[in-house]
N, C-alpha and C. Protein backbone atom coordinates (compact mmCIF):
# COMPACT_ATOMS: atom_id res chain seq x y z
N UNK A 1 0.54 -1.08 0.41
CA UNK A 1 -0.10 0.16 0.12
C UNK A 1 0.82 1.05 0.39
N UNK A 2 0.01 1.94 -0.82
CA UNK A 2 1.85 3.71 -0.78
C UNK A 2 0.17 4.63 -0.94
N UNK A 3 1.30 5.16 0.53
CA UNK A 3 0.13 6.26 0.85
C UNK A 3 1.22 7.92 -0.17
N UNK A 4 0.19 8.41 -0.19
CA UNK A 4 1.02 9.57 -0.74
C UNK A 4 0.96 10.69 0.28
N UNK A 5 1.72 11.74 0.02
CA UNK A 5 1.84 12.48 1.30
C UNK A 5 1.77 14.01 0.47
N UNK A 6 0.45 14.66 0.78
CA UNK A 6 0.21 15.73 0.03
C UNK A 6 0.88 17.12 1.15
N UNK A 7 1.01 18.68 0.21
CA UNK A 7 1.29 19.31 1.37
C UNK A 7 0.68 20.49 0.80
N UNK A 8 0.54 21.01 1.77
CA UNK A 8 -0.69 22.06 1.62
C UNK A 8 0.10 23.47 1.72
N UNK A 9 -0.25 23.64 0.71
CA UNK A 9 1.04 25.29 0.71
C UNK A 9 0.35 26.52 0.77
N UNK A 10 -1.14 26.12 1.37
CA UNK A 10 -1.52 27.57 1.76
C UNK A 10 -1.09 27.39 3.37
N UNK A 11 -1.34 26.56 4.03
CA UNK A 11 -0.33 26.01 5.52
C UNK A 11 0.66 26.93 5.46
N UNK A 12 1.59 26.38 4.77
CA UNK A 12 3.21 26.59 4.53
C UNK A 12 3.15 28.44 4.61
N UNK A 13 2.25 28.71 3.48
CA UNK A 13 2.76 30.16 3.28
C UNK A 13 1.98 31.26 4.80
N UNK A 14 0.99 30.61 5.25
CA UNK A 14 0.90 31.15 6.54
C UNK A 14 1.65 30.51 7.80
N UNK A 15 2.79 29.54 7.75
CA UNK A 15 3.35 30.00 8.84
C UNK A 15 4.46 30.32 8.77
N UNK A 16 4.88 30.81 7.45
CA UNK A 16 6.61 31.35 7.24
C UNK A 16 5.64 33.29 7.25
N UNK A 17 4.37 33.19 6.89
CA UNK A 17 4.20 34.94 7.21
C UNK A 17 3.83 35.15 8.67
N UNK A 18 3.11 34.46 9.54
CA UNK A 18 3.11 34.06 10.98
C UNK A 18 4.67 33.98 11.74
N UNK A 19 5.74 34.06 11.39
CA UNK A 19 6.44 33.50 12.01
C UNK A 19 7.53 34.77 11.41
N UNK A 20 7.26 35.04 10.57
CA UNK A 20 8.21 36.62 9.67
C UNK A 20 7.38 37.42 10.39
N UNK A 21 6.32 37.58 10.94
CA UNK A 21 5.18 38.94 11.38
C UNK A 21 6.02 38.66 13.18
N UNK A 22 5.82 38.21 13.60
CA UNK A 22 6.66 37.59 14.92
C UNK A 22 7.88 38.34 15.02
N UNK A 23 8.83 37.59 14.03
CA UNK A 23 10.22 37.98 14.23
C UNK A 23 10.23 39.24 14.13
N UNK A 24 9.04 40.62 13.27
CA UNK A 24 9.47 41.56 13.03
C UNK A 24 9.16 41.98 14.68
N UNK A 25 8.02 41.57 14.95
CA UNK A 25 7.46 42.19 16.24
C UNK A 25 8.36 42.22 17.64
N UNK A 26 9.02 40.94 17.39
CA UNK A 26 9.96 40.92 18.30
C UNK A 26 11.67 42.18 18.11
N UNK A 27 11.82 42.46 16.78
CA UNK A 27 12.95 42.64 16.44
C UNK A 27 12.36 43.88 17.02
N UNK A 28 11.52 44.81 16.51
CA UNK A 28 10.69 46.31 16.77
C UNK A 28 10.67 46.48 18.46
N UNK A 29 9.93 45.15 19.68
CA UNK A 29 10.21 45.52 20.83
C UNK A 29 11.74 45.36 21.62
N UNK A 30 12.41 44.46 21.11
CA UNK A 30 13.81 45.32 21.41
C UNK A 30 14.48 46.59 20.55
N UNK A 31 14.12 46.82 19.48
CA UNK A 31 14.77 48.03 19.21
C UNK A 31 14.27 49.42 19.99
N UNK A 32 13.09 49.02 20.60
CA UNK A 32 12.16 49.87 21.57
C UNK A 32 12.54 50.04 22.74
N UNK A 33 12.75 49.09 23.38
CA UNK A 33 13.61 49.12 24.70
C UNK A 33 14.89 49.64 24.83
N UNK A 34 15.82 49.00 23.75
CA UNK A 34 17.07 49.45 23.25
C UNK A 34 17.06 50.62 23.22
N UNK A 35 15.91 51.87 22.71
CA UNK A 35 15.84 53.18 22.72
C UNK A 35 15.56 53.67 23.91
N UNK A 36 14.68 53.43 24.46
CA UNK A 36 14.35 54.03 25.95
C UNK A 36 15.37 53.36 27.10
N UNK A 37 16.46 52.58 26.82
CA UNK A 37 17.22 52.41 27.87
C UNK A 37 18.54 53.89 27.32
N UNK A 38 18.45 53.85 26.59
CA UNK A 38 19.29 54.92 26.07
C UNK A 38 18.64 56.25 25.71
N UNK A 39 17.60 56.16 26.12
CA UNK A 39 16.97 57.56 26.52
C UNK A 39 17.29 58.05 27.99
N UNK A 40 17.06 56.99 28.64
CA UNK A 40 16.92 56.98 30.19
C UNK A 40 18.89 57.02 30.40
N UNK A 41 19.69 56.76 29.46
CA UNK A 41 21.41 57.20 30.50
C UNK A 41 21.25 58.60 29.81
N UNK A 42 20.70 58.82 28.23
CA UNK A 42 20.84 60.29 27.94
C UNK A 42 20.24 60.94 29.18
N UNK A 43 19.54 61.21 29.77
CA UNK A 43 18.72 61.39 30.84
C UNK A 43 19.29 61.68 31.88
N UNK A 44 19.92 60.68 32.61
CA UNK A 44 20.91 60.45 33.70
C UNK A 44 22.33 61.40 33.41
N UNK A 45 23.02 61.37 32.44
CA UNK A 45 23.83 62.43 32.24
C UNK A 45 23.68 63.82 32.28
N UNK A 46 22.85 64.44 31.56
CA UNK A 46 21.68 65.59 31.62
C UNK A 46 21.82 65.65 33.37
N UNK A 47 21.19 64.88 34.05
CA UNK A 47 20.67 64.76 35.07
C UNK A 47 22.26 65.50 36.01
N UNK A 48 23.16 65.00 35.88
CA UNK A 48 24.60 64.90 36.77
C UNK A 48 25.07 66.41 36.04
N UNK A 49 25.09 66.72 34.75
CA UNK A 49 25.43 67.52 34.29
C UNK A 49 24.76 68.96 34.62
N UNK A 50 23.12 68.83 34.72
CA UNK A 50 23.12 69.67 35.85
C UNK A 50 23.39 70.19 36.86
N UNK A 51 23.40 69.09 37.68
CA UNK A 51 24.11 68.89 39.36
C UNK A 51 24.94 69.97 39.44
N UNK A 52 25.97 69.26 38.24
CA UNK A 52 27.28 70.34 38.02
C UNK A 52 27.30 71.63 38.37
N UNK A 53 26.62 71.69 37.43
CA UNK A 53 26.26 73.23 36.93
C UNK A 53 25.62 74.05 38.26
N UNK A 54 24.96 73.64 38.43
CA UNK A 54 24.12 73.88 39.85
C UNK A 54 24.72 73.82 40.92
N UNK A 55 25.59 73.52 41.36
CA UNK A 55 27.01 73.33 42.39
C UNK A 55 28.50 74.51 41.90
N UNK A 56 28.26 74.84 40.62
CA UNK A 56 28.99 75.28 40.42
C UNK A 56 28.43 77.22 40.33
N UNK A 57 27.62 77.21 39.91
CA UNK A 57 27.04 77.99 39.70
C UNK A 57 26.86 78.55 41.91
N UNK A 58 26.28 77.73 42.05
CA UNK A 58 26.22 77.76 43.91
C UNK A 58 27.57 78.88 44.49
N UNK A 59 28.61 77.86 44.11
CA UNK A 59 29.43 78.40 44.81
C UNK A 59 29.79 79.75 43.77
N UNK A 60 29.81 80.08 42.73
CA UNK A 60 30.06 81.45 42.08
C UNK A 60 29.25 82.91 43.47
N UNK A 61 27.94 82.05 43.11
CA UNK A 61 26.98 82.95 44.39
C UNK A 61 27.61 83.10 45.62
N UNK A 62 27.78 82.20 45.71
CA UNK A 62 28.89 82.32 47.71
C UNK A 62 29.96 83.06 47.37
N UNK A 63 30.89 82.89 46.64
CA UNK A 63 31.75 83.39 46.61
C UNK A 63 31.35 85.41 45.97
N UNK A 64 30.74 85.42 45.47
CA UNK A 64 29.93 86.91 45.53
C UNK A 64 29.89 87.49 47.06
N UNK A 65 28.48 86.56 47.25
CA UNK A 65 27.78 87.17 48.32
C UNK A 65 29.23 87.57 49.55
N UNK A 66 30.13 87.22 49.37
CA UNK A 66 31.47 86.99 50.54
C UNK A 66 32.21 88.32 50.00
N UNK A 67 32.05 88.92 48.36
CA UNK A 67 32.41 89.00 47.89
C UNK A 67 31.70 91.10 48.44
N UNK A 68 30.39 90.51 48.32
CA UNK A 68 29.27 92.06 49.34
C UNK A 68 30.16 91.86 50.29
N UNK A 69 30.11 90.93 50.71
CA UNK A 69 30.34 91.49 52.87
C UNK A 69 31.49 91.70 52.92
N UNK A 70 32.33 91.92 52.25
CA UNK A 70 33.67 92.52 52.20
C UNK A 70 33.42 94.30 51.98
N UNK A 71 32.93 93.99 50.35
CA UNK A 71 32.66 95.88 50.35
C UNK A 71 31.29 96.35 51.38
N UNK A 72 30.77 95.40 51.40
CA UNK A 72 29.86 96.62 53.08
C UNK A 72 30.62 96.64 54.03
N UNK A 73 31.48 96.20 54.45
CA UNK A 73 32.19 96.84 55.44
C UNK A 73 33.08 97.36 55.55
N UNK A 74 33.93 97.55 54.74
CA UNK A 74 34.22 99.07 54.32
C UNK A 74 33.98 99.36 54.00
N UNK A 75 32.85 99.96 53.42
CA UNK A 75 31.82 101.02 53.64
C UNK A 75 31.47 101.64 53.99
N UNK A 76 31.24 99.83 55.28
CA UNK A 76 30.46 101.04 57.17
C UNK A 76 31.27 101.76 57.91
N UNK A 77 32.87 100.95 57.58
CA UNK A 77 33.60 101.67 58.34
C UNK A 77 34.35 103.01 57.76
N UNK A 78 33.91 103.33 56.66
CA UNK A 78 34.35 104.45 55.81
C UNK A 78 33.41 105.94 56.42
N UNK A 79 32.12 104.97 56.93
CA UNK A 79 31.05 106.35 57.68
C UNK A 79 31.67 106.92 58.61
């Protein structure tokens, strides 16, 4: 008895399309996650830069306040 094997090309095509779609979705998912991580890293770097700038500006303000105090003392002595 000879058995015949039938190949359903529609099922093969549907499987290829389904697997291809899933592969594309996984690829896009990982790209989006990678982009979010990169953006989070950049945001943290910007935050650190802003902290450094804030500290530098605060130091400059403190220096200016000291100068103003010295000038006020000199002016008050002169009166």
